């Protein structure tokens, strides 16, 4: 998949890091900003309203609305990719997977 779609792929499995990444911090910040604005009287009733309010509250975090149509299109593309994707053996023992090139994957396993 990485070679065909020219994307870098890696995945690390760290239970202790769950919910502590940059994305989680950004999401928490945006939710707090929108919640504070809502408490001050601004209303939002849809995802579109939430994004608009978040965009007003911060210029440092780029917010976009992902529509159902966007999700459906991505889902279709991913389904086609995963139909031909090969599985990684012994995933329960796997700690980290990184695609090096078309024929080489770096896999670190737990003992």
N, C-alpha and C. Protein backbone atom coordinates (compact mmCIF):
# COMPACT_ATOMS: atom_id res chain seq x y z
N UNK A 1 0.83 -1.19 0.00
CA UNK A 1 0.00 0.00 0.00
C UNK A 1 0.87 1.25 0.00
N UNK A 2 1.93 1.24 0.83
CA UNK A 2 2.80 2.42 0.93
C UNK A 2 3.44 2.74 -0.42
N UNK A 3 3.91 1.69 -1.10
CA UNK A 3 4.56 1.89 -2.40
C UNK A 3 3.56 2.35 -3.46
N UNK A 4 2.44 1.67 -3.53
CA UNK A 4 1.44 1.98 -4.55
C UNK A 4 0.87 3.38 -4.41
N UNK A 5 0.61 3.81 -3.18
CA UNK A 5 -0.01 5.11 -2.95
C UNK A 5 1.00 6.19 -2.55
N UNK A 6 2.30 5.81 -2.53
CA UNK A 6 3.39 6.75 -2.24
C UNK A 6 3.17 7.49 -0.92
N UNK A 7 2.90 6.70 0.12
CA UNK A 7 2.73 7.27 1.45
C UNK A 7 3.59 6.49 2.45
N UNK A 8 4.08 7.18 3.46
CA UNK A 8 4.86 6.54 4.51
C UNK A 8 3.89 5.91 5.51
N UNK A 9 4.12 4.66 5.84
CA UNK A 9 3.25 3.97 6.78
C UNK A 9 4.04 3.46 7.96
N UNK A 10 3.54 3.72 9.15
CA UNK A 10 4.09 3.12 10.36
C UNK A 10 3.00 3.11 11.41
N UNK A 11 3.08 2.17 12.33
CA UNK A 11 2.12 2.09 13.40
C UNK A 11 2.82 1.55 14.63
N UNK A 12 2.65 2.23 15.74
CA UNK A 12 3.23 1.79 17.00
C UNK A 12 2.10 1.55 17.99
N UNK A 13 2.23 0.48 18.77
CA UNK A 13 1.20 0.10 19.72
C UNK A 13 1.72 0.35 21.13
N UNK A 14 1.29 1.43 21.76
CA UNK A 14 1.70 1.78 23.11
C UNK A 14 0.46 2.03 23.95
N UNK A 15 0.11 1.10 24.80
CA UNK A 15 -1.09 1.28 25.64
C UNK A 15 -0.95 2.48 26.56
N UNK A 16 0.27 2.75 27.04
CA UNK A 16 0.46 3.86 27.98
C UNK A 16 0.31 5.22 27.31
N UNK A 17 0.42 5.27 25.99
CA UNK A 17 0.30 6.54 25.28
C UNK A 17 -1.10 6.81 24.78
N UNK A 18 -2.00 5.87 24.97
CA UNK A 18 -3.35 6.03 24.44
C UNK A 18 -4.01 7.29 25.02
N UNK A 19 -4.46 8.16 24.12
CA UNK A 19 -5.15 9.37 24.54
C UNK A 19 -4.25 10.51 24.95
N UNK A 20 -2.94 10.39 24.70
CA UNK A 20 -2.01 11.43 25.13
C UNK A 20 -1.23 12.05 23.97
N UNK A 21 -1.64 11.80 22.75
CA UNK A 21 -0.92 12.33 21.60
C UNK A 21 -1.30 13.76 21.28
N UNK A 22 -0.61 14.31 20.30
CA UNK A 22 -0.85 15.69 19.87
C UNK A 22 -2.30 15.87 19.42
N UNK A 23 -2.80 14.92 18.67
CA UNK A 23 -4.18 15.02 18.17
C UNK A 23 -5.17 15.07 19.33
N UNK A 24 -4.92 14.27 20.36
CA UNK A 24 -5.81 14.28 21.53
C UNK A 24 -5.78 15.64 22.22
N UNK A 25 -4.59 16.23 22.31
CA UNK A 25 -4.46 17.55 22.93
C UNK A 25 -5.16 18.63 22.13
N UNK A 26 -5.03 18.57 20.81
CA UNK A 26 -5.71 19.54 19.95
C UNK A 26 -7.22 19.40 20.07
N UNK A 27 -7.69 18.15 20.05
CA UNK A 27 -9.13 17.91 20.17
C UNK A 27 -9.67 18.44 21.49
N UNK A 28 -8.94 18.19 22.56
CA UNK A 28 -9.35 18.69 23.87
C UNK A 28 -9.39 20.20 23.93
N UNK A 29 -8.39 20.83 23.31
CA UNK A 29 -8.34 22.30 23.28
C UNK A 29 -9.53 22.87 22.52
N UNK A 30 -9.82 22.30 21.36
CA UNK A 30 -10.94 22.79 20.55
C UNK A 30 -12.25 22.60 21.30
N UNK A 31 -12.44 21.43 21.90
CA UNK A 31 -13.69 21.20 22.65
C UNK A 31 -13.83 22.20 23.80
N UNK A 32 -12.74 22.48 24.50
CA UNK A 32 -12.78 23.44 25.61
C UNK A 32 -13.13 24.84 25.11
N UNK A 33 -12.52 25.27 23.99
CA UNK A 33 -12.81 26.59 23.44
C UNK A 33 -14.27 26.72 23.02
N UNK A 34 -14.78 25.69 22.35
CA UNK A 34 -16.18 25.73 21.90
C UNK A 34 -17.12 25.67 23.10
N UNK A 35 -16.80 24.84 24.09
CA UNK A 35 -17.64 24.75 25.29
C UNK A 35 -17.68 26.09 26.01
N UNK A 36 -16.53 26.75 26.13
CA UNK A 36 -16.48 28.07 26.78
C UNK A 36 -17.33 29.08 26.02
N UNK A 37 -17.25 29.05 24.69
CA UNK A 37 -18.05 29.96 23.87
C UNK A 37 -19.54 29.66 24.03
N UNK A 38 -19.88 28.37 24.13
CA UNK A 38 -21.28 27.99 24.30
C UNK A 38 -21.80 28.47 25.66
N UNK A 39 -20.97 28.37 26.69
CA UNK A 39 -21.38 28.86 28.01
C UNK A 39 -21.59 30.37 28.00
N UNK A 40 -20.86 31.05 27.12
CA UNK A 40 -20.99 32.51 27.02
C UNK A 40 -22.16 32.93 26.13
N UNK A 41 -22.89 31.93 25.58
CA UNK A 41 -24.08 32.26 24.82
C UNK A 41 -24.05 31.91 23.35
N UNK A 42 -22.89 31.53 22.81
CA UNK A 42 -22.85 31.11 21.41
C UNK A 42 -23.48 29.73 21.29
N UNK A 43 -24.24 29.53 20.23
CA UNK A 43 -24.92 28.25 20.04
C UNK A 43 -24.34 27.47 18.87
N UNK A 44 -24.36 26.17 19.02
CA UNK A 44 -24.05 25.29 17.90
C UNK A 44 -24.96 24.08 17.99
N UNK A 45 -25.50 23.70 16.83
CA UNK A 45 -26.46 22.60 16.79
C UNK A 45 -26.08 21.54 15.78
N UNK A 46 -24.96 21.74 15.11
CA UNK A 46 -24.53 20.78 14.09
C UNK A 46 -23.01 20.78 14.03
N UNK A 47 -22.47 19.83 13.29
CA UNK A 47 -21.02 19.78 13.09
C UNK A 47 -20.55 21.05 12.39
N UNK A 48 -21.34 21.51 11.43
CA UNK A 48 -20.98 22.74 10.70
C UNK A 48 -20.89 23.93 11.66
N UNK A 49 -21.87 24.04 12.57
CA UNK A 49 -21.85 25.12 13.58
C UNK A 49 -20.64 24.99 14.50
N UNK A 50 -20.32 23.76 14.91
CA UNK A 50 -19.18 23.52 15.79
C UNK A 50 -17.89 23.98 15.13
N UNK A 51 -17.70 23.61 13.87
CA UNK A 51 -16.49 24.00 13.13
C UNK A 51 -16.41 25.51 12.99
N UNK A 52 -17.52 26.13 12.65
CA UNK A 52 -17.55 27.60 12.49
C UNK A 52 -17.18 28.29 13.80
N UNK A 53 -17.75 27.82 14.90
CA UNK A 53 -17.46 28.41 16.21
C UNK A 53 -16.00 28.17 16.59
N UNK A 54 -15.50 26.97 16.34
CA UNK A 54 -14.09 26.66 16.64
C UNK A 54 -13.15 27.55 15.82
N UNK A 55 -13.49 27.78 14.56
CA UNK A 55 -12.67 28.65 13.71
C UNK A 55 -12.65 30.08 14.24
N UNK A 56 -13.76 30.52 14.82
CA UNK A 56 -13.81 31.87 15.40
C UNK A 56 -12.97 31.95 16.68
N UNK A 57 -12.89 30.86 17.41
CA UNK A 57 -12.23 30.86 18.72
C UNK A 57 -10.71 30.70 18.62
N UNK A 58 -10.21 30.10 17.56
CA UNK A 58 -8.76 29.93 17.41
C UNK A 58 -8.35 30.00 15.95
N UNK A 59 -7.27 30.70 15.71
CA UNK A 59 -6.71 30.77 14.35
C UNK A 59 -5.48 29.87 14.24
N UNK A 60 -5.05 29.31 15.37
CA UNK A 60 -3.84 28.48 15.38
C UNK A 60 -4.12 27.03 15.02
N UNK A 61 -5.36 26.60 15.19
CA UNK A 61 -5.74 25.23 14.86
C UNK A 61 -6.67 25.30 13.65
N UNK A 62 -6.31 24.62 12.59
CA UNK A 62 -7.10 24.63 11.36
C UNK A 62 -8.23 23.61 11.49
N UNK A 63 -9.44 24.09 11.36
CA UNK A 63 -10.62 23.23 11.48
C UNK A 63 -11.32 23.14 10.13
N UNK A 64 -11.72 21.93 9.77
CA UNK A 64 -12.54 21.73 8.58
C UNK A 64 -13.67 20.76 8.93
N UNK A 65 -14.76 20.91 8.25
CA UNK A 65 -15.87 19.97 8.44
C UNK A 65 -15.69 18.81 7.48
N UNK A 66 -15.80 17.62 7.99
CA UNK A 66 -15.76 16.43 7.15
C UNK A 66 -17.20 15.93 7.05
N UNK A 67 -17.73 15.97 5.85
CA UNK A 67 -19.13 15.62 5.64
C UNK A 67 -19.32 14.11 5.50
N UNK A 68 -20.56 13.67 5.56
CA UNK A 68 -20.87 12.26 5.36
C UNK A 68 -20.40 11.81 3.98
N UNK A 69 -20.54 12.67 2.99
CA UNK A 69 -20.08 12.34 1.64
C UNK A 69 -18.57 12.12 1.62
N UNK A 70 -17.81 12.99 2.32
CA UNK A 70 -16.36 12.81 2.42
C UNK A 70 -16.02 11.46 3.04
N UNK A 71 -16.72 11.12 4.12
CA UNK A 71 -16.47 9.86 4.81
C UNK A 71 -16.80 8.68 3.91
N UNK A 72 -17.94 8.74 3.23
CA UNK A 72 -18.33 7.65 2.33
C UNK A 72 -17.31 7.45 1.22
N UNK A 73 -16.80 8.55 0.64
CA UNK A 73 -15.80 8.45 -0.41
C UNK A 73 -14.51 7.82 0.11
N UNK A 74 -14.07 8.25 1.28
CA UNK A 74 -12.86 7.69 1.88
C UNK A 74 -13.05 6.23 2.23
N UNK A 75 -14.23 5.91 2.75
CA UNK A 75 -14.52 4.52 3.12
C UNK A 75 -14.44 3.61 1.90
N UNK A 76 -14.98 4.06 0.79
CA UNK A 76 -14.94 3.27 -0.44
C UNK A 76 -13.50 3.05 -0.90
N UNK A 77 -12.68 4.11 -0.86
CA UNK A 77 -11.27 3.98 -1.25
C UNK A 77 -10.54 3.01 -0.33
N UNK A 78 -10.78 3.14 0.98
CA UNK A 78 -10.10 2.27 1.94
C UNK A 78 -10.55 0.82 1.78
N UNK A 79 -11.82 0.59 1.53
CA UNK A 79 -12.30 -0.77 1.33
C UNK A 79 -11.59 -1.41 0.15
N UNK A 80 -11.39 -0.66 -0.93
CA UNK A 80 -10.68 -1.18 -2.10
C UNK A 80 -9.22 -1.47 -1.78
N UNK A 81 -8.60 -0.62 -0.98
CA UNK A 81 -7.20 -0.84 -0.58
C UNK A 81 -7.09 -2.10 0.28
N UNK A 82 -7.97 -2.23 1.27
CA UNK A 82 -7.87 -3.35 2.21
C UNK A 82 -8.29 -4.68 1.61
N UNK A 83 -9.00 -4.67 0.49
CA UNK A 83 -9.34 -5.92 -0.19
C UNK A 83 -8.08 -6.64 -0.65
N UNK A 84 -7.05 -5.89 -1.02
CA UNK A 84 -5.82 -6.49 -1.55
C UNK A 84 -4.65 -6.41 -0.57
N UNK A 85 -4.85 -5.80 0.58
CA UNK A 85 -3.76 -5.67 1.56
C UNK A 85 -3.45 -7.01 2.21
N UNK A 86 -2.17 -7.23 2.47
CA UNK A 86 -1.75 -8.45 3.16
C UNK A 86 -1.74 -8.19 4.66
N UNK A 87 -2.07 -9.21 5.42
CA UNK A 87 -2.11 -9.04 6.87
C UNK A 87 -0.70 -9.17 7.47
N UNK A 88 -0.55 -8.61 8.65
CA UNK A 88 0.70 -8.72 9.39
C UNK A 88 0.54 -9.89 10.35
N UNK A 89 1.45 -10.89 10.27
CA UNK A 89 1.30 -12.05 11.16
C UNK A 89 1.58 -11.70 12.62
N UNK A 90 0.96 -12.44 13.53
CA UNK A 90 1.17 -12.31 14.98
C UNK A 90 0.96 -10.89 15.49
N UNK A 91 -0.14 -10.27 15.11
CA UNK A 91 -0.38 -8.88 15.50
C UNK A 91 -0.48 -8.68 17.01
N UNK A 92 -0.92 -9.69 17.76
CA UNK A 92 -1.03 -9.53 19.21
C UNK A 92 0.34 -9.40 19.87
N UNK A 93 1.39 -9.89 19.21
CA UNK A 93 2.75 -9.79 19.73
C UNK A 93 3.49 -8.59 19.15
N UNK A 94 2.85 -7.87 18.25
CA UNK A 94 3.54 -6.80 17.52
C UNK A 94 3.53 -5.49 18.31
N UNK A 95 4.69 -4.87 18.38
CA UNK A 95 4.87 -3.60 19.08
C UNK A 95 4.90 -2.43 18.09
N UNK A 96 5.54 -2.64 16.94
CA UNK A 96 5.71 -1.55 15.97
C UNK A 96 5.87 -2.13 14.57
N UNK A 97 5.28 -1.47 13.59
CA UNK A 97 5.40 -1.87 12.19
C UNK A 97 5.74 -0.63 11.38
N UNK A 98 6.76 -0.73 10.52
CA UNK A 98 7.13 0.38 9.65
C UNK A 98 7.46 -0.17 8.27
N UNK A 99 6.87 0.41 7.23
CA UNK A 99 7.17 0.01 5.86
C UNK A 99 8.44 0.72 5.43
N UNK A 100 9.46 -0.06 5.07
CA UNK A 100 10.74 0.50 4.63
C UNK A 100 10.71 0.71 3.12
N UNK A 101 10.36 -0.33 2.38
CA UNK A 101 10.20 -0.23 0.93
C UNK A 101 9.20 -1.29 0.50
N UNK A 102 9.07 -1.50 -0.80
CA UNK A 102 8.05 -2.38 -1.34
C UNK A 102 8.16 -3.81 -0.82
N UNK A 103 9.38 -4.26 -0.47
CA UNK A 103 9.56 -5.64 -0.04
C UNK A 103 10.03 -5.77 1.41
N UNK A 104 10.23 -4.66 2.10
CA UNK A 104 10.80 -4.71 3.44
C UNK A 104 9.91 -3.99 4.45
N UNK A 105 9.59 -4.69 5.52
CA UNK A 105 8.85 -4.11 6.63
C UNK A 105 9.66 -4.33 7.89
N UNK A 106 9.75 -3.34 8.73
CA UNK A 106 10.43 -3.47 10.01
C UNK A 106 9.36 -3.74 11.06
N UNK A 107 9.42 -4.92 11.68
CA UNK A 107 8.42 -5.32 12.66
C UNK A 107 9.13 -5.62 13.97
N UNK A 108 8.72 -4.96 15.04
CA UNK A 108 9.28 -5.20 16.37
C UNK A 108 8.20 -5.90 17.18
N UNK A 109 8.57 -7.06 17.77
CA UNK A 109 7.58 -7.86 18.50
C UNK A 109 7.94 -7.96 19.97
N UNK A 110 6.90 -8.17 20.79
CA UNK A 110 7.07 -8.48 22.21
C UNK A 110 7.49 -9.94 22.33
N UNK A 111 8.26 -10.26 23.33
CA UNK A 111 8.58 -11.67 23.59
C UNK A 111 7.71 -12.23 24.66
